[in-house]
Protein backbone atom coordinates (compact mmCIF):
# COMPACT_ATOMS: atom_id res chain seq x y z
CA MET A 1 -0.08 0.05 -0.12
CA TYR A 2 2.64 2.53 0.93
CA ALA A 3 4.60 1.80 -2.68
CA VAL A 4 1.45 2.92 -4.31
CA PHE A 5 0.79 5.86 -2.27
CA LYS A 6 4.35 7.04 -2.59
CA ARG A 7 4.03 6.22 -6.49
CA GLU A 8 0.63 8.37 -6.49
CA LEU A 9 2.13 11.22 -4.51
CA PHE A 10 5.10 11.50 -6.52
CA SER A 11 3.09 11.28 -9.85
CA PHE A 12 1.26 14.45 -8.63
CA SER A 13 4.32 16.25 -7.40
CA SER A 14 5.88 15.70 -10.70
CA SER A 15 2.70 16.80 -12.54
CA MET A 16 2.40 20.52 -13.30
CA VAL A 17 -1.34 20.06 -12.94
CA ALA A 18 -1.24 19.85 -9.04
CA TYR A 19 0.67 22.87 -8.82
CA ILE A 20 -1.41 24.55 -11.33
CA THR A 21 -4.46 23.68 -9.37
CA ILE A 22 -3.29 24.54 -6.05
CA GLY A 23 -1.83 27.78 -7.04
CA VAL A 24 -5.26 28.64 -8.70
CA PHE A 25 -7.05 27.65 -5.51
CA LEU A 26 -4.83 30.02 -3.48
CA LEU A 27 -5.11 32.80 -5.70
CA VAL A 28 -8.88 32.91 -5.95
CA SER A 29 -9.20 32.53 -2.30
CA GLY A 30 -6.95 35.25 -1.72
CA LEU A 31 -8.64 37.32 -4.08
CA LEU A 32 -12.38 36.91 -2.80
CA LEU A 33 -11.07 37.10 0.86
CA TRP A 34 -8.69 40.04 0.58
CA PHE A 35 -9.70 42.22 -2.78
CA PHE A 36 -13.34 41.93 -4.15
CA PRO A 37 -15.45 44.41 -2.08
CA ASP A 38 -18.34 42.18 -1.77
CA THR A 39 -16.59 39.26 0.07
CA SER A 40 -13.61 41.30 1.46
CA ILE A 41 -12.76 40.87 4.98
CA LEU A 42 -11.16 44.37 5.33
CA ASP A 43 -14.58 45.82 3.95
CA TYR A 44 -16.24 43.62 6.62
CA GLY A 45 -14.54 45.34 9.53
CA TYR A 46 -14.86 42.28 12.06
CA ALA A 47 -11.91 40.05 12.86
CA GLU A 48 -13.12 36.72 11.82
CA LEU A 49 -12.91 34.17 9.09
CA ASP A 50 -16.41 32.92 8.59
CA GLY A 51 -16.42 34.67 4.75
CA PHE A 52 -13.46 32.26 4.03
CA PHE A 53 -14.91 29.18 5.37
CA SER A 54 -18.19 29.86 3.65
CA LEU A 55 -16.15 30.37 0.12
CA VAL A 56 -13.80 27.28 0.37
CA PRO A 57 -16.64 24.62 0.09
CA TYR A 58 -17.44 25.94 -3.39
CA LEU A 59 -14.00 26.17 -4.50
CA PHE A 60 -13.23 22.67 -3.31
CA MET A 61 -15.75 21.36 -5.70
CA PHE A 62 -13.44 22.62 -8.47
CA LEU A 63 -10.04 21.76 -6.94
CA ILE A 64 -10.85 18.37 -5.60
CA PRO A 65 -12.20 17.07 -8.79
CA ALA A 66 -9.23 18.39 -10.43
CA ILE A 67 -6.71 16.51 -8.12
CA THR A 68 -8.76 13.02 -8.15
CA MET A 69 -9.85 13.20 -11.88
CA ARG A 70 -6.63 11.18 -12.77
CA SER A 71 -6.50 8.59 -9.89
CA PHE A 72 -7.94 5.78 -12.07
CA ALA A 73 -8.78 7.43 -15.40
CA GLU A 74 -5.22 7.97 -16.07
CA GLU A 75 -4.23 4.08 -15.24
CA ARG A 76 -6.91 2.93 -17.61
CA ARG A 77 -6.13 5.70 -20.51
CA GLU A 78 -2.26 4.51 -20.12
CA GLY A 79 -3.01 1.02 -19.82
CA THR A 80 -1.31 0.35 -16.63
CA TYR A 81 -4.78 -0.31 -14.88
CA GLU A 82 -4.89 -3.82 -15.67
CA LEU A 83 -1.48 -4.20 -14.13
CA LEU A 84 -2.14 -2.24 -11.16
CA ILE A 85 -5.25 -4.21 -10.18
CA THR A 86 -3.43 -7.72 -10.93
CA LYS A 87 -0.79 -7.11 -8.17
CA PRO A 88 -0.60 -9.07 -5.28
CA ILE A 89 -2.27 -6.40 -3.15
CA GLN A 90 -5.77 -5.99 -2.02
CA LEU A 91 -8.30 -3.49 -3.87
CA TRP A 92 -8.87 -1.80 -0.62
CA GLN A 93 -4.89 -1.05 -0.34
CA VAL A 94 -5.11 0.41 -3.94
CA ILE A 95 -7.90 2.65 -3.31
CA ALA A 96 -6.84 3.40 0.06
CA ALA A 97 -3.48 4.70 -1.21
CA LYS A 98 -4.83 6.65 -4.05
CA TYR A 99 -7.28 8.29 -1.76
CA PHE A 100 -4.96 9.08 0.82
CA ALA A 101 -2.40 10.58 -1.66
CA SER A 102 -5.09 12.86 -3.10
CA LEU A 103 -6.09 13.87 0.70
CA VAL A 104 -2.46 14.93 1.18
CA LEU A 105 -2.62 17.27 -1.63
CA VAL A 106 -5.87 18.87 -0.47
CA LEU A 107 -4.08 19.18 3.12
CA PHE A 108 -1.11 20.86 1.28
CA ALA A 109 -3.76 23.47 -0.18
CA LEU A 110 -4.85 24.22 3.07
CA ILE A 111 -1.74 24.77 4.97
CA PRO A 112 -0.81 27.98 3.24
CA THR A 113 -4.35 29.43 4.15
CA LEU A 114 -3.22 29.30 7.96
CA ILE A 115 -1.74 32.82 6.88
CA TYR A 116 -5.01 34.36 6.87
CA TYR A 117 -5.74 33.27 10.55
CA TYR A 118 -2.25 34.93 11.37
CA SER A 119 -2.96 38.38 9.39
CA ILE A 120 -6.29 38.67 10.73
CA SER A 121 -5.28 37.94 14.22
CA LYS A 122 -2.75 40.66 13.97
CA LEU A 123 -5.01 42.98 12.32
CA GLY A 124 -7.59 42.75 15.08
CA PHE A 125 -8.18 45.16 17.75
CA PRO A 126 -7.02 44.39 20.39
CA GLU A 127 -4.03 42.31 18.38
CA GLY A 128 -5.29 38.50 18.71
CA ASN A 129 -9.00 39.09 19.13
CA ILE A 130 -10.27 36.41 17.20
CA ASP A 131 -12.15 33.23 18.04
CA SER A 132 -9.59 30.69 17.76
CA GLY A 133 -12.15 27.72 18.73
CA SER A 134 -14.45 28.87 15.68
CA VAL A 135 -11.34 28.87 13.30
CA ILE A 136 -9.68 25.46 14.59
CA GLY A 137 -13.32 23.96 14.29
CA SER A 138 -13.88 25.51 10.68
CA TYR A 139 -10.43 23.91 9.79
CA ILE A 140 -11.46 20.63 10.81
CA GLY A 141 -14.61 20.84 8.99
CA LEU A 142 -12.83 21.86 5.84
CA PHE A 143 -10.57 18.63 6.21
CA LEU A 144 -13.47 16.51 6.58
CA LEU A 145 -15.15 17.94 3.77
CA GLY A 146 -12.09 17.48 1.81
CA ALA A 147 -12.12 14.21 2.54
CA ALA A 148 -15.63 13.42 1.74
CA PHE A 149 -15.14 15.17 -1.55
CA THR A 150 -11.95 13.32 -2.22
CA SER A 151 -13.97 9.90 -1.76
CA ILE A 152 -16.42 11.03 -4.20
CA GLY A 153 -13.70 12.35 -6.99
CA ILE A 154 -11.90 8.52 -6.27
CA PHE A 155 -15.27 7.04 -7.29
CA SER A 156 -15.78 9.20 -10.25
CA SER A 157 -12.57 8.40 -11.80
CA SER A 158 -12.85 4.71 -11.16
CA LEU A 159 -15.99 5.24 -13.53
CA THR A 160 -14.46 6.50 -16.65
CA LYS A 161 -10.86 6.48 -18.37
CA ASN A 162 -11.70 10.19 -19.44
CA GLN A 163 -10.41 12.57 -16.99
CA VAL A 164 -12.61 15.34 -18.07
CA ILE A 165 -15.75 13.20 -17.52
CA ALA A 166 -14.52 12.02 -14.02
CA PHE A 167 -13.97 15.72 -13.20
CA VAL A 168 -17.70 16.55 -14.34
CA ILE A 169 -18.98 13.76 -12.57
CA CYS A 170 -17.13 14.60 -9.24
CA ALA A 171 -18.06 18.26 -9.62
CA ALA A 172 -21.65 17.58 -9.88
CA LEU A 173 -22.05 14.69 -6.92
CA CYS A 174 -20.00 17.00 -4.68
CA ALA A 175 -22.26 19.98 -5.50
CA PHE A 176 -25.22 17.63 -5.13
CA SER A 177 -23.83 16.19 -1.60
CA PHE A 178 -23.20 19.63 -0.47
CA LEU A 179 -26.46 21.71 -1.49
CA GLY A 180 -28.85 19.41 -3.31
CA PHE A 181 -30.33 18.19 0.09
CA ASP A 182 -31.05 21.30 1.41
CA TYR A 183 -32.84 22.47 -1.78
CA LEU A 184 -34.83 19.16 -1.77
CA SER A 185 -35.80 19.66 1.95
CA LYS A 186 -37.64 23.12 0.54
CA ILE A 187 -39.91 21.06 -1.95
CA ALA A 188 -43.51 21.25 -0.67
CA ALA A 189 -44.13 17.77 -0.93
CA MET A 190 -40.85 17.13 1.49
CA GLN A 191 -41.83 19.71 4.16
CA ALA A 192 -42.99 16.81 6.55
CA ILE A 193 -39.46 15.43 6.38
CA ASP A 194 -37.14 18.45 5.64
CA SER A 195 -35.06 18.12 8.64
CA THR A 196 -34.37 14.53 7.85
CA ILE A 197 -33.51 15.31 4.30
CA THR A 198 -31.06 18.15 5.65
CA ASN A 199 -29.27 15.95 7.86
CA LEU A 200 -28.53 13.64 4.95
CA GLY A 201 -26.59 16.89 3.34
CA ILE A 202 -23.03 17.54 3.77
CA ASN A 203 -23.73 21.16 4.46
CA GLN A 204 -25.70 20.77 7.76
CA HIS A 205 -22.88 18.77 9.40
CA TYR A 206 -20.11 21.31 7.95
CA VAL A 207 -21.88 24.27 9.41
CA SER A 208 -22.34 22.48 12.56
CA ILE A 209 -18.66 21.57 13.04
CA SER A 210 -17.89 25.45 11.90
CA ARG A 211 -19.23 26.61 14.91
CA GLY A 212 -16.40 24.96 16.87
CA VAL A 213 -18.31 22.39 18.42
CA LEU A 214 -17.01 18.77 17.45
CA ASP A 215 -20.21 16.62 17.59
CA THR A 216 -19.45 12.70 17.34
CA ARG A 217 -22.55 12.59 14.92
CA ASP A 218 -20.83 14.75 12.57
CA LEU A 219 -17.55 12.99 12.69
CA ILE A 220 -19.58 9.73 12.20
CA TYR A 221 -21.45 11.23 9.11
CA PHE A 222 -18.33 12.28 7.47
CA ILE A 223 -16.47 8.91 8.20
CA THR A 224 -19.57 7.16 7.09
CA PHE A 225 -20.07 9.19 3.80
CA SER A 226 -16.12 8.86 2.85
CA VAL A 227 -16.05 5.04 3.49
CA LEU A 228 -19.31 4.56 1.68
CA PHE A 229 -18.12 6.13 -1.54
CA LEU A 230 -14.90 4.11 -1.17
CA CYS A 231 -16.98 1.21 -1.11
CA PHE A 232 -18.43 1.95 -4.03
CA THR A 233 -15.46 2.31 -5.76
CA LYS A 234 -14.55 -1.40 -4.79
CA LEU A 235 -17.60 -2.53 -6.27
CA ILE A 236 -16.76 -0.63 -9.35
CA ILE A 237 -13.22 -1.93 -9.55
CA GLY A 238 -13.97 -5.15 -8.27
CA GLY A 239 -16.60 -5.76 -11.23
CA LYS A 240 -14.10 -4.47 -13.67
CA ARG A 241 -11.52 -6.69 -12.46
């Protein structure tokens, strides 16, 4: 498993796609956070990062599909897919290695954004006037959200050998899992079970963690969600195997 993980991570690091994707993510988030008047923290006037944590899930819908789209699609396109899945390692190990390699890249994309926390802390009046507990909870929520979206990306990549199609499928599934259930709950016919439908979506649990309160129900939800899509990936690859 470690050999596949290292190979996957090295493949990402040697490709310009990963650097460009992460660079665009940081550039867009920085522009939205500091320069555009409608979303700028400087115009908002409060020492908090709520605007940033509200924007990042939408950026993730493009960042993570771009990172994961090549996971299995590239293997199938280059003809190394059959060689990979017939090696003397379990399918779970192959899937987990690709999943964690992609998740490490998502983590690398988040680490530079810690400078936003430092900057807001210094700009606060008095200095350091920022709710650190809420920020920590929000970063944990972002990581869990990234883990959930990454599992969707790995699943989407296992469906096709075309990276563009994998990107589109992943982006659509991420958008639906984050926002779709909230919209479904507003349909008149669903009003009786609107809270149940809302709880099925990611947004409800992400917002809950972002408040700085770590509820075991939210943690279990994200873990279950990620494992479920990895199981779907195993079914797809196992069938093709």
